[in-house]
Each structure stands twice: as C-alpha cells, then as structure tokens.
Amino acid sequence: MKMIFLACIPVFVAVDALGVLPIFISLSEGFGRKEKLLIIFHSMITALCLAFGFILLGRWIFALLGITVADFMIAGGSILFCIAITDIMSPRKKRRIPAKELGVVPLGTPLIVGPAVLTTSLMIIAEYGFLATAVSLFLNIILAGAIFLFSEVLIRRLGVTGAKALSKITSLLLASIAVMMIRKGIFQFMQ
C-alpha cells in the first residue's frame, strides 16, 4: 500500500488534472451534460490505453532501440522541464477542437497522459514496481475523470483564478520532478 501511495504522488503531479481543469472547461463550454460525459469517458479510455500500453511495451521498445532508462530519464526530464516552464510562463492554454475528437485529443492525450506521465511512469516502475505503477496510473486517471465530472462545482469553489494558481504550483512541482529525473539519469548513466 505504501508503494502505491508513493507511486501515486509523482503521477498525480504529472497528470495535473487540476491544471487541466480550466482547459477542460473552456474546451467543453457549450456542450450539454450528455456530451460532456461522453468526452470524459473517451478521455479516460484513451489515457488508460496509452498509459498501460506504454508501461507494458516501453522497456521492450527501449531494448529494441538501445535506449537505457538513464537516457530516457534525462531526455524525459528535459522535456518535462520545458513543458513545466511553458505552463508556468504561458498566460492561457486554450484550443478549439471538434467535440468528436475532444475526448481523445487533446484531453486523453497529451493533456491527461502525455510526455510527463509516460516519463514519470517509466521512472516509478524502476522504483516501485509494475503493480504500484499500474494502480497509481489507474487511480490518477479515474481521479482526473472525477475532477472533470465535477468541474463546475470545483471551479465555483476554487474560482478560475484559484484553478490557474493551482496549475502554476503543480507546474513548478513538475519542473522539480524533471530536475530530479535528470539528476537521477545522470547518476545512473555515470555508474
């Protein structure tokens, strides 16, 4: 149970469901309750399939390409750091996507499961094992769906400004995790 809890923390930060919440609200604005439920369902299925596919095949693909976990940690940490800095510096994350595609792209991927989650999941598999990683991914994707489901209530409580502030804080945490990944990758590479 402790391993699952420890694995859930970095995945929670990487998924950043609260940070994606304002984007979900702006993208799903004008859709009815039924359409929003379908969008949420599609985003969760897409995120789950991508995340589990990657944790099952990621290491095999690395072996095929000759990539080490240290290489991926350094590259992934660098990308995560760039994503975090972009999120911190950008005033808005707003896109217009047709309703049919919204749940799959951009919500399911790359917003719920993107480079941050994929990189983090490979890192935590090495530390906490496959089961803890799989459970943490599942729980965090379900949590993201629940947050989207209750988005109107959460935004009323947090306010748009509060949600944006929370998003910036989680982006700062993501930058810190990225630096940690780069550091661990360099140390692993040097051994």
N, C-alpha and C. Protein backbone atom coordinates (compact mmCIF):
# COMPACT_ATOMS: atom_id res chain seq x y z
N MET A 1 0.83 -1.20 0.00
CA MET A 1 0.00 0.00 0.00
C MET A 1 0.87 1.27 0.00
N LYS A 2 1.98 1.20 0.75
CA LYS A 2 2.88 2.35 0.82
C LYS A 2 3.48 2.63 -0.55
N MET A 3 3.85 1.55 -1.27
CA MET A 3 4.45 1.71 -2.60
C MET A 3 3.46 2.36 -3.57
N ILE A 4 2.20 1.96 -3.48
CA ILE A 4 1.17 2.55 -4.35
C ILE A 4 1.01 4.03 -4.03
N PHE A 5 0.97 4.37 -2.74
CA PHE A 5 0.85 5.77 -2.33
C PHE A 5 2.03 6.58 -2.85
N LEU A 6 3.24 6.06 -2.67
CA LEU A 6 4.44 6.76 -3.14
C LEU A 6 4.45 6.90 -4.66
N ALA A 7 3.94 5.90 -5.37
CA ALA A 7 3.87 5.96 -6.83
C ALA A 7 2.80 6.94 -7.30
N CYS A 8 1.73 7.09 -6.50
CA CYS A 8 0.63 7.98 -6.89
C CYS A 8 1.03 9.45 -6.90
N ILE A 9 1.94 9.85 -6.01
CA ILE A 9 2.30 11.27 -5.88
C ILE A 9 2.90 11.83 -7.16
N PRO A 10 3.99 11.23 -7.71
CA PRO A 10 4.53 11.82 -8.94
C PRO A 10 3.57 11.71 -10.13
N VAL A 11 2.77 10.64 -10.18
CA VAL A 11 1.80 10.51 -11.27
C VAL A 11 0.73 11.59 -11.14
N PHE A 12 0.28 11.87 -9.91
CA PHE A 12 -0.71 12.93 -9.68
C PHE A 12 -0.19 14.27 -10.20
N VAL A 13 1.08 14.57 -9.89
CA VAL A 13 1.67 15.83 -10.34
C VAL A 13 1.79 15.83 -11.86
N ALA A 14 2.20 14.70 -12.44
CA ALA A 14 2.38 14.63 -13.90
C ALA A 14 1.05 14.73 -14.65
N VAL A 15 0.00 14.06 -14.13
CA VAL A 15 -1.32 14.14 -14.77
C VAL A 15 -1.86 15.57 -14.69
N ASP A 16 -1.69 16.21 -13.54
CA ASP A 16 -2.10 17.60 -13.32
C ASP A 16 -3.55 17.85 -13.72
N ALA A 17 -4.45 17.02 -13.18
CA ALA A 17 -5.87 17.14 -13.52
C ALA A 17 -6.43 18.50 -13.14
N LEU A 18 -5.98 19.05 -12.01
CA LEU A 18 -6.47 20.37 -11.61
C LEU A 18 -5.95 21.46 -12.56
N GLY A 19 -4.74 21.26 -13.07
CA GLY A 19 -4.19 22.20 -14.04
C GLY A 19 -4.90 22.12 -15.38
N VAL A 20 -5.36 20.91 -15.73
CA VAL A 20 -6.08 20.71 -17.00
C VAL A 20 -7.53 21.15 -16.88
N LEU A 21 -8.03 21.26 -15.64
CA LEU A 21 -9.43 21.62 -15.40
C LEU A 21 -9.89 22.88 -16.14
N PRO A 22 -9.16 24.01 -16.04
CA PRO A 22 -9.61 25.20 -16.80
C PRO A 22 -9.65 24.97 -18.30
N ILE A 23 -8.72 24.13 -18.81
CA ILE A 23 -8.71 23.81 -20.25
C ILE A 23 -9.94 22.99 -20.60
N PHE A 24 -10.23 21.99 -19.76
CA PHE A 24 -11.42 21.16 -19.98
C PHE A 24 -12.67 22.03 -20.01
N ILE A 25 -12.77 22.95 -19.08
CA ILE A 25 -13.96 23.82 -19.00
C ILE A 25 -14.07 24.69 -20.25
N SER A 26 -12.94 25.26 -20.69
CA SER A 26 -13.02 26.13 -21.87
C SER A 26 -13.30 25.32 -23.13
N LEU A 27 -12.73 24.10 -23.23
CA LEU A 27 -12.95 23.28 -24.43
C LEU A 27 -14.35 22.68 -24.48
N SER A 28 -14.93 22.39 -23.31
CA SER A 28 -16.25 21.75 -23.29
C SER A 28 -17.39 22.74 -23.10
N GLU A 29 -17.05 24.01 -23.10
CA GLU A 29 -18.06 25.06 -22.94
C GLU A 29 -19.09 24.97 -24.08
N GLY A 30 -20.34 25.03 -23.73
CA GLY A 30 -21.40 24.98 -24.73
C GLY A 30 -21.92 23.58 -25.00
N PHE A 31 -21.26 22.55 -24.49
CA PHE A 31 -21.73 21.18 -24.65
C PHE A 31 -22.71 20.84 -23.53
N GLY A 32 -23.68 19.97 -23.84
CA GLY A 32 -24.63 19.51 -22.84
C GLY A 32 -24.00 18.49 -21.90
N ARG A 33 -24.73 18.15 -20.85
CA ARG A 33 -24.25 17.19 -19.84
C ARG A 33 -23.89 15.83 -20.47
N LYS A 34 -24.73 15.35 -21.36
CA LYS A 34 -24.52 14.06 -22.01
C LYS A 34 -23.24 14.08 -22.86
N GLU A 35 -23.04 15.16 -23.60
CA GLU A 35 -21.84 15.29 -24.43
C GLU A 35 -20.58 15.38 -23.57
N LYS A 36 -20.67 16.10 -22.45
CA LYS A 36 -19.52 16.21 -21.55
C LYS A 36 -19.16 14.84 -20.96
N LEU A 37 -20.18 14.06 -20.59
CA LEU A 37 -19.93 12.71 -20.06
C LEU A 37 -19.21 11.85 -21.10
N LEU A 38 -19.64 11.95 -22.36
CA LEU A 38 -19.00 11.19 -23.43
C LEU A 38 -17.55 11.65 -23.63
N ILE A 39 -17.31 12.93 -23.58
CA ILE A 39 -15.96 13.48 -23.71
C ILE A 39 -15.07 12.96 -22.58
N ILE A 40 -15.59 12.99 -21.35
CA ILE A 40 -14.83 12.50 -20.19
C ILE A 40 -14.53 11.01 -20.35
N PHE A 41 -15.53 10.23 -20.75
CA PHE A 41 -15.35 8.80 -20.94
C PHE A 41 -14.27 8.52 -21.98
N HIS A 42 -14.34 9.19 -23.14
CA HIS A 42 -13.34 9.00 -24.19
C HIS A 42 -11.94 9.40 -23.71
N SER A 43 -11.85 10.49 -22.95
CA SER A 43 -10.54 10.93 -22.47
C SER A 43 -9.93 9.92 -21.51
N MET A 44 -10.75 9.32 -20.64
CA MET A 44 -10.25 8.34 -19.68
C MET A 44 -9.82 7.04 -20.38
N ILE A 45 -10.62 6.57 -21.32
CA ILE A 45 -10.27 5.35 -22.06
C ILE A 45 -8.98 5.54 -22.85
N THR A 46 -8.87 6.68 -23.53
CA THR A 46 -7.65 6.99 -24.29
C THR A 46 -6.44 7.03 -23.37
N ALA A 47 -6.57 7.75 -22.25
CA ALA A 47 -5.46 7.88 -21.31
C ALA A 47 -5.05 6.52 -20.74
N LEU A 48 -6.03 5.71 -20.35
CA LEU A 48 -5.72 4.39 -19.79
C LEU A 48 -5.02 3.49 -20.82
N CYS A 49 -5.54 3.45 -22.04
CA CYS A 49 -4.94 2.61 -23.08
C CYS A 49 -3.50 3.04 -23.39
N LEU A 50 -3.29 4.33 -23.52
CA LEU A 50 -1.95 4.83 -23.82
C LEU A 50 -0.99 4.55 -22.68
N ALA A 51 -1.42 4.84 -21.45
CA ALA A 51 -0.54 4.65 -20.29
C ALA A 51 -0.17 3.18 -20.10
N PHE A 52 -1.17 2.29 -20.15
CA PHE A 52 -0.89 0.87 -19.95
C PHE A 52 -0.12 0.28 -21.12
N GLY A 53 -0.42 0.72 -22.33
CA GLY A 53 0.35 0.27 -23.48
C GLY A 53 1.82 0.65 -23.35
N PHE A 54 2.06 1.85 -22.87
CA PHE A 54 3.44 2.32 -22.74
C PHE A 54 4.18 1.59 -21.62
N ILE A 55 3.52 1.37 -20.47
CA ILE A 55 4.26 0.69 -19.40
C ILE A 55 4.49 -0.79 -19.72
N LEU A 56 3.64 -1.36 -20.57
CA LEU A 56 3.84 -2.75 -20.98
C LEU A 56 4.91 -2.90 -22.06
N LEU A 57 4.93 -1.97 -23.01
CA LEU A 57 5.83 -2.09 -24.16
C LEU A 57 7.05 -1.17 -24.12
N GLY A 58 7.04 -0.20 -23.22
CA GLY A 58 8.10 0.81 -23.18
C GLY A 58 9.50 0.23 -23.07
N ARG A 59 9.69 -0.68 -22.12
CA ARG A 59 11.02 -1.28 -21.92
C ARG A 59 11.44 -2.13 -23.13
N TRP A 60 10.50 -2.83 -23.74
CA TRP A 60 10.81 -3.64 -24.93
C TRP A 60 11.26 -2.72 -26.07
N ILE A 61 10.55 -1.62 -26.25
CA ILE A 61 10.91 -0.66 -27.30
C ILE A 61 12.30 -0.08 -27.02
N PHE A 62 12.58 0.22 -25.75
CA PHE A 62 13.90 0.72 -25.39
C PHE A 62 14.99 -0.28 -25.74
N ALA A 63 14.76 -1.55 -25.42
CA ALA A 63 15.75 -2.59 -25.71
C ALA A 63 15.97 -2.69 -27.22
N LEU A 64 14.90 -2.62 -27.98
CA LEU A 64 14.99 -2.70 -29.43
C LEU A 64 15.81 -1.53 -30.00
N LEU A 65 15.62 -0.35 -29.45
CA LEU A 65 16.31 0.85 -29.94
C LEU A 65 17.65 1.11 -29.26
N GLY A 66 17.96 0.34 -28.22
CA GLY A 66 19.22 0.54 -27.50
C GLY A 66 19.20 1.74 -26.56
N ILE A 67 18.02 2.11 -26.10
CA ILE A 67 17.87 3.24 -25.19
C ILE A 67 17.86 2.71 -23.76
N THR A 68 18.62 3.35 -22.88
CA THR A 68 18.61 2.95 -21.48
C THR A 68 17.59 3.78 -20.72
N VAL A 69 17.25 3.32 -19.52
CA VAL A 69 16.35 4.09 -18.67
C VAL A 69 16.99 5.44 -18.33
N ALA A 70 18.32 5.45 -18.14
CA ALA A 70 19.03 6.70 -17.84
C ALA A 70 18.87 7.69 -19.01
N ASP A 71 18.99 7.20 -20.24
CA ASP A 71 18.80 8.06 -21.42
C ASP A 71 17.39 8.67 -21.41
N PHE A 72 16.41 7.79 -21.15
CA PHE A 72 15.01 8.24 -21.16
C PHE A 72 14.74 9.22 -20.02
N MET A 73 15.37 8.96 -18.86
CA MET A 73 15.17 9.86 -17.72
C MET A 73 15.72 11.26 -18.03
N ILE A 74 16.90 11.31 -18.65
CA ILE A 74 17.50 12.60 -18.99
C ILE A 74 16.67 13.31 -20.06
N ALA A 75 16.32 12.58 -21.12
CA ALA A 75 15.51 13.17 -22.20
C ALA A 75 14.12 13.55 -21.69
N GLY A 76 13.49 12.62 -20.97
CA GLY A 76 12.15 12.89 -20.43
C GLY A 76 12.15 14.03 -19.44
N GLY A 77 13.16 14.06 -18.57
CA GLY A 77 13.26 15.15 -17.60
C GLY A 77 13.43 16.49 -18.30
N SER A 78 14.22 16.51 -19.38
CA SER A 78 14.40 17.76 -20.14
C SER A 78 13.09 18.22 -20.76
N ILE A 79 12.34 17.26 -21.34
CA ILE A 79 11.05 17.60 -21.94
C ILE A 79 10.07 18.07 -20.86
N LEU A 80 10.03 17.34 -19.75
CA LEU A 80 9.14 17.74 -18.65
C LEU A 80 9.46 19.14 -18.17
N PHE A 81 10.75 19.43 -18.08
CA PHE A 81 11.16 20.77 -17.62
C PHE A 81 10.66 21.84 -18.59
N CYS A 82 10.81 21.57 -19.90
CA CYS A 82 10.32 22.52 -20.91
C CYS A 82 8.80 22.69 -20.82
N ILE A 83 8.08 21.57 -20.64
CA ILE A 83 6.62 21.63 -20.51
C ILE A 83 6.24 22.45 -19.28
N ALA A 84 6.93 22.19 -18.16
CA ALA A 84 6.63 22.91 -16.92
C ALA A 84 6.89 24.41 -17.08
N ILE A 85 8.01 24.77 -17.69
CA ILE A 85 8.33 26.19 -17.89
C ILE A 85 7.29 26.84 -18.81
N THR A 86 6.92 26.14 -19.87
CA THR A 86 5.89 26.66 -20.78
C THR A 86 4.58 26.88 -20.04
N ASP A 87 4.18 25.90 -19.21
CA ASP A 87 2.95 26.03 -18.43
C ASP A 87 3.02 27.19 -17.45
N ILE A 88 4.17 27.38 -16.84
CA ILE A 88 4.33 28.47 -15.86
C ILE A 88 4.27 29.82 -16.57
N MET A 89 4.93 29.91 -17.73
CA MET A 89 5.05 31.20 -18.42
C MET A 89 3.86 31.56 -19.29
N SER A 90 3.12 30.56 -19.78
CA SER A 90 2.04 30.88 -20.72
C SER A 90 0.81 31.40 -19.98
N PRO A 91 0.24 32.48 -20.47
CA PRO A 91 -0.94 33.04 -19.82
C PRO A 91 -2.20 32.21 -20.04
N ARG A 92 -2.29 31.49 -21.15
CA ARG A 92 -3.51 30.72 -21.46
C ARG A 92 -3.16 29.43 -22.16
N LYS A 93 -4.00 28.41 -21.90
CA LYS A 93 -3.88 27.12 -22.60
C LYS A 93 -5.25 26.88 -23.23
N LYS A 94 -5.51 27.51 -24.34
CA LYS A 94 -6.84 27.40 -24.93
C LYS A 94 -6.74 26.94 -26.38
N ARG A 95 -7.51 25.90 -26.72
CA ARG A 95 -7.52 25.38 -28.08
C ARG A 95 -8.97 25.11 -28.48
N ARG A 96 -9.25 25.12 -29.76
CA ARG A 96 -10.59 24.78 -30.25
C ARG A 96 -10.53 23.48 -31.02
N ILE A 97 -11.20 22.46 -30.52
CA ILE A 97 -11.20 21.13 -31.12
C ILE A 97 -12.65 20.70 -31.31
N PRO A 98 -12.97 20.00 -32.41
CA PRO A 98 -14.33 19.48 -32.59
C PRO A 98 -14.72 18.52 -31.46
N ALA A 99 -15.99 18.50 -31.11
CA ALA A 99 -16.48 17.69 -29.99
C ALA A 99 -16.16 16.21 -30.14
N LYS A 100 -16.21 15.69 -31.37
CA LYS A 100 -15.96 14.26 -31.60
C LYS A 100 -14.53 13.86 -31.21
N GLU A 101 -13.59 14.77 -31.38
CA GLU A 101 -12.18 14.47 -31.11
C GLU A 101 -11.72 14.91 -29.73
N LEU A 102 -12.47 15.74 -29.08
CA LEU A 102 -12.04 16.39 -27.84
C LEU A 102 -11.61 15.42 -26.74
N GLY A 103 -12.35 14.33 -26.56
CA GLY A 103 -12.02 13.38 -25.51
C GLY A 103 -10.72 12.64 -25.76
N VAL A 104 -10.44 12.35 -27.04
CA VAL A 104 -9.23 11.61 -27.38
C VAL A 104 -8.04 12.56 -27.44
N VAL A 105 -8.13 13.57 -28.29
CA VAL A 105 -7.09 14.58 -28.44
C VAL A 105 -7.75 15.94 -28.33
N PRO A 106 -7.39 16.80 -27.44
CA PRO A 106 -6.19 16.82 -26.62
C PRO A 106 -6.38 16.32 -25.18
N LEU A 107 -7.61 15.97 -24.76
CA LEU A 107 -7.78 15.62 -23.34
C LEU A 107 -7.12 14.29 -22.96
N GLY A 108 -7.48 13.20 -23.64
CA GLY A 108 -6.89 11.90 -23.29
C GLY A 108 -5.38 11.91 -23.44
N THR A 109 -4.95 12.42 -24.56
CA THR A 109 -3.54 12.65 -24.82
C THR A 109 -3.40 13.92 -25.64
N PRO A 110 -2.56 14.83 -25.34
CA PRO A 110 -1.47 14.78 -24.38
C PRO A 110 -1.78 15.40 -23.02
N LEU A 111 -3.02 15.89 -22.80
CA LEU A 111 -3.26 16.61 -21.55
C LEU A 111 -3.33 15.70 -20.31
N ILE A 112 -4.03 14.57 -20.38
CA ILE A 112 -4.06 13.67 -19.21
C ILE A 112 -2.82 12.78 -19.23
N VAL A 113 -2.60 12.07 -20.32
CA VAL A 113 -1.41 11.23 -20.45
C VAL A 113 -0.60 11.74 -21.62
N GLY A 114 0.47 12.40 -21.28
CA GLY A 114 1.39 12.94 -22.27
C GLY A 114 2.81 12.58 -21.88
N PRO A 115 3.78 13.32 -22.37
CA PRO A 115 5.18 13.02 -22.06
C PRO A 115 5.48 12.97 -20.56
N ALA A 116 4.83 13.85 -19.80
CA ALA A 116 5.09 13.88 -18.35
C ALA A 116 4.69 12.57 -17.69
N VAL A 117 3.52 12.08 -17.99
CA VAL A 117 3.03 10.84 -17.37
C VAL A 117 3.82 9.64 -17.87
N LEU A 118 4.13 9.59 -19.16
CA LEU A 118 4.87 8.46 -19.71
C LEU A 118 6.27 8.38 -19.11
N THR A 119 6.94 9.51 -19.04
CA THR A 119 8.28 9.55 -18.45
C THR A 119 8.23 9.18 -16.98
N THR A 120 7.30 9.77 -16.26
CA THR A 120 7.16 9.50 -14.83
C THR A 120 6.84 8.04 -14.58
N SER A 121 5.98 7.45 -15.40
CA SER A 121 5.59 6.06 -15.18
C SER A 121 6.78 5.11 -15.36
N LEU A 122 7.64 5.36 -16.34
CA LEU A 122 8.82 4.50 -16.50
C LEU A 122 9.78 4.67 -15.33
N MET A 123 9.87 5.89 -14.83
CA MET A 123 10.75 6.14 -13.69
C MET A 123 10.24 5.41 -12.44
N ILE A 124 8.93 5.48 -12.19
CA ILE A 124 8.42 4.86 -10.96
C ILE A 124 8.31 3.35 -11.06
N ILE A 125 8.25 2.80 -12.27
CA ILE A 125 8.30 1.34 -12.41
C ILE A 125 9.63 0.84 -11.83
N ALA A 126 10.71 1.56 -12.16
CA ALA A 126 12.03 1.17 -11.67
C ALA A 126 12.11 1.26 -10.15
N GLU A 127 11.41 2.23 -9.56
CA GLU A 127 11.48 2.44 -8.11
C GLU A 127 10.46 1.64 -7.33
N TYR A 128 9.21 1.56 -7.81
CA TYR A 128 8.12 0.97 -7.02
C TYR A 128 7.52 -0.30 -7.61
N GLY A 129 7.92 -0.66 -8.82
CA GLY A 129 7.42 -1.88 -9.43
C GLY A 129 6.23 -1.65 -10.35
N PHE A 130 5.94 -2.68 -11.15
CA PHE A 130 4.88 -2.60 -12.15
C PHE A 130 3.50 -2.43 -11.52
N LEU A 131 3.19 -3.23 -10.50
CA LEU A 131 1.86 -3.19 -9.90
C LEU A 131 1.54 -1.82 -9.30
N ALA A 132 2.46 -1.28 -8.52
CA ALA A 132 2.25 0.04 -7.91
C ALA A 132 2.08 1.11 -8.98
N THR A 133 2.86 1.01 -10.06
CA THR A 133 2.76 1.98 -11.15
C THR A 133 1.42 1.87 -11.86
N ALA A 134 1.01 0.63 -12.17
CA ALA A 134 -0.27 0.41 -12.86
C ALA A 134 -1.44 0.91 -12.02
N VAL A 135 -1.43 0.60 -10.72
CA VAL A 135 -2.51 1.05 -9.84
C VAL A 135 -2.52 2.58 -9.73
N SER A 136 -1.34 3.19 -9.61
CA SER A 136 -1.27 4.65 -9.49
C SER A 136 -1.76 5.33 -10.76
N LEU A 137 -1.41 4.77 -11.93
CA LEU A 137 -1.91 5.33 -13.19
C LEU A 137 -3.43 5.23 -13.26
N PHE A 138 -3.95 4.05 -12.95
CA PHE A 138 -5.40 3.83 -12.98
C PHE A 138 -6.10 4.82 -12.03
N LEU A 139 -5.64 4.91 -10.79
CA LEU A 139 -6.29 5.79 -9.80
C LEU A 139 -6.23 7.26 -10.22
N ASN A 140 -5.09 7.69 -10.75
CA ASN A 140 -4.96 9.10 -11.14
C ASN A 140 -5.79 9.44 -12.37
N ILE A 141 -5.93 8.51 -13.29
CA ILE A 141 -6.76 8.77 -14.48
C ILE A 141 -8.24 8.79 -14.07
N ILE A 142 -8.64 7.90 -13.17
CA ILE A 142 -10.02 7.91 -12.65
C ILE A 142 -10.26 9.22 -11.89
N LEU A 143 -9.28 9.66 -11.10
CA LEU A 143 -9.40 10.93 -10.37
C LEU A 143 -9.55 12.10 -11.35
N ALA A 144 -8.78 12.07 -12.43
CA ALA A 144 -8.90 13.14 -13.44
C ALA A 144 -10.31 13.16 -14.02
N GLY A 145 -10.87 11.98 -14.32
CA GLY A 145 -12.24 11.90 -14.82
C GLY A 145 -13.24 12.45 -13.82
N ALA A 146 -13.04 12.13 -12.53
CA ALA A 146 -13.94 12.63 -11.49
C ALA A 146 -13.84 14.16 -11.37
N ILE A 147 -12.63 14.68 -11.47
CA ILE A 147 -12.44 16.13 -11.41
C ILE A 147 -13.15 16.80 -12.58
N PHE A 148 -13.04 16.22 -13.77
CA PHE A 148 -13.75 16.78 -14.93
C PHE A 148 -15.26 16.68 -14.75
N LEU A 149 -15.70 15.57 -14.18
CA LEU A 149 -17.13 15.34 -13.96
C LEU A 149 -17.72 16.41 -13.04
N PHE A 150 -16.97 16.77 -12.02
CA PHE A 150 -17.44 17.79 -11.06
C PHE A 150 -16.78 19.14 -11.31
N SER A 151 -16.43 19.40 -12.56
CA SER A 151 -15.68 20.61 -12.91
C SER A 151 -16.41 21.91 -12.54
N GLU A 152 -17.71 21.94 -12.78
CA GLU A 152 -18.44 23.17 -12.48
C GLU A 152 -18.42 23.49 -10.99
N VAL A 153 -18.58 22.47 -10.16
CA VAL A 153 -18.56 22.65 -8.70
C VAL A 153 -17.17 23.08 -8.25
N LEU A 154 -16.13 22.43 -8.78
CA LEU A 154 -14.76 22.75 -8.38
C LEU A 154 -14.37 24.18 -8.77
N ILE A 155 -14.75 24.59 -9.97
CA ILE A 155 -14.41 25.95 -10.40
C ILE A 155 -15.13 26.98 -9.54
N ARG A 156 -16.39 26.68 -9.18
CA ARG A 156 -17.10 27.61 -8.27
C ARG A 156 -16.36 27.73 -6.95
N ARG A 157 -15.85 26.61 -6.43
CA ARG A 157 -15.13 26.61 -5.15
C ARG A 157 -13.76 27.28 -5.26
N LEU A 158 -12.99 26.87 -6.27
CA LEU A 158 -11.64 27.41 -6.43
C LEU A 158 -11.65 28.78 -7.09
N GLY A 159 -12.60 28.98 -7.97
CA GLY A 159 -12.58 30.17 -8.80
C GLY A 159 -11.61 29.94 -9.95
N VAL A 160 -11.79 30.65 -11.02
CA VAL A 160 -10.91 30.49 -12.18
C VAL A 160 -9.49 30.86 -11.81
N THR A 161 -9.33 31.93 -11.03
CA THR A 161 -8.00 32.36 -10.61
C THR A 161 -7.35 31.34 -9.71
N GLY A 162 -8.11 30.76 -8.80
CA GLY A 162 -7.57 29.72 -7.91
C GLY A 162 -7.12 28.50 -8.68
N ALA A 163 -7.90 28.09 -9.68
CA ALA A 163 -7.53 26.94 -10.51
C ALA A 163 -6.26 27.23 -11.30
N LYS A 164 -6.13 28.46 -11.81
CA LYS A 164 -4.92 28.83 -12.54
C LYS A 164 -3.71 28.86 -11.62
N ALA A 165 -3.89 29.39 -10.41
CA ALA A 165 -2.79 29.43 -9.44
C ALA A 165 -2.35 28.01 -9.07
N LEU A 166 -3.32 27.13 -8.85
CA LEU A 166 -3.01 25.75 -8.53
C LEU A 166 -2.27 25.07 -9.69
N SER A 167 -2.66 25.41 -10.91
CA SER A 167 -1.99 24.87 -12.08
C SER A 167 -0.53 25.31 -12.13
N LYS A 168 -0.25 26.55 -11.79
CA LYS A 168 1.13 27.07 -11.79
C LYS A 168 1.96 26.37 -10.71
N ILE A 169 1.35 26.12 -9.55
CA ILE A 169 2.07 25.42 -8.48
C ILE A 169 2.40 24.00 -8.90
N THR A 170 1.45 23.30 -9.51
CA THR A 170 1.73 21.94 -9.96
C THR A 170 2.76 21.94 -11.08
N SER A 171 2.79 22.98 -11.90
CA SER A 171 3.82 23.08 -12.94
C SER A 171 5.20 23.26 -12.32
N LEU A 172 5.26 24.01 -11.23
CA LEU A 172 6.53 24.18 -10.51
C LEU A 172 6.99 22.84 -9.92
N LEU A 173 6.05 22.08 -9.36
CA LEU A 173 6.38 20.75 -8.85
C LEU A 173 6.85 19.85 -9.99
N LEU A 174 6.21 19.96 -11.15
CA LEU A 174 6.61 19.17 -12.31
C LEU A 174 8.03 19.53 -12.73
N ALA A 175 8.38 20.81 -12.69
CA ALA A 175 9.75 21.23 -13.01
C ALA A 175 10.74 20.62 -12.03
N SER A 176 10.37 20.58 -10.75
CA SER A 176 11.24 19.99 -9.74
C SER A 176 11.43 18.50 -9.97
N ILE A 177 10.36 17.81 -10.32
CA ILE A 177 10.45 16.38 -10.63
C ILE A 177 11.32 16.18 -11.87
N ALA A 178 11.21 17.08 -12.84
CA ALA A 178 12.04 16.98 -14.05
C ALA A 178 13.52 17.10 -13.71
N VAL A 179 13.86 18.06 -12.86
CA VAL A 179 15.26 18.23 -12.45
C VAL A 179 15.74 16.98 -11.71
N MET A 180 14.89 16.42 -10.84
CA MET A 180 15.24 15.20 -10.11
C MET A 180 15.49 14.05 -11.10
N MET A 181 14.64 13.94 -12.13
CA MET A 181 14.79 12.87 -13.12
C MET A 181 16.10 13.02 -13.89
N ILE A 182 16.43 14.24 -14.27
CA ILE A 182 17.68 14.49 -14.98
C ILE A 182 18.86 14.13 -14.08
N ARG A 183 18.81 14.55 -12.82
CA ARG A 183 19.87 14.25 -11.86
C ARG A 183 20.03 12.74 -11.69
N LYS A 184 18.92 12.02 -11.47
CA LYS A 184 18.99 10.57 -11.31
C LYS A 184 19.47 9.88 -12.59
N GLY A 185 19.05 10.38 -13.73
CA GLY A 185 19.51 9.82 -15.00
C GLY A 185 21.00 10.00 -15.20
N ILE A 186 21.52 11.16 -14.84
CA ILE A 186 22.97 11.42 -14.96
C ILE A 186 23.75 10.50 -14.01
N PHE A 187 23.27 10.38 -12.77
CA PHE A 187 23.94 9.50 -11.82
C PHE A 187 23.90 8.05 -12.29
N GLN A 188 22.76 7.61 -12.82
CA GLN A 188 22.63 6.25 -13.32
C GLN A 188 23.54 6.03 -14.52
N PHE A 189 23.62 7.03 -15.38
CA PHE A 189 24.46 6.96 -16.58
C PHE A 189 25.93 6.87 -16.20
N MET A 190 26.33 7.60 -15.16
CA MET A 190 27.74 7.64 -14.75
C MET A 190 28.17 6.33 -14.06
N GLN A 191 27.22 5.57 -13.53
CA GLN A 191 27.57 4.32 -12.86
C GLN A 191 27.82 3.31 -13.87
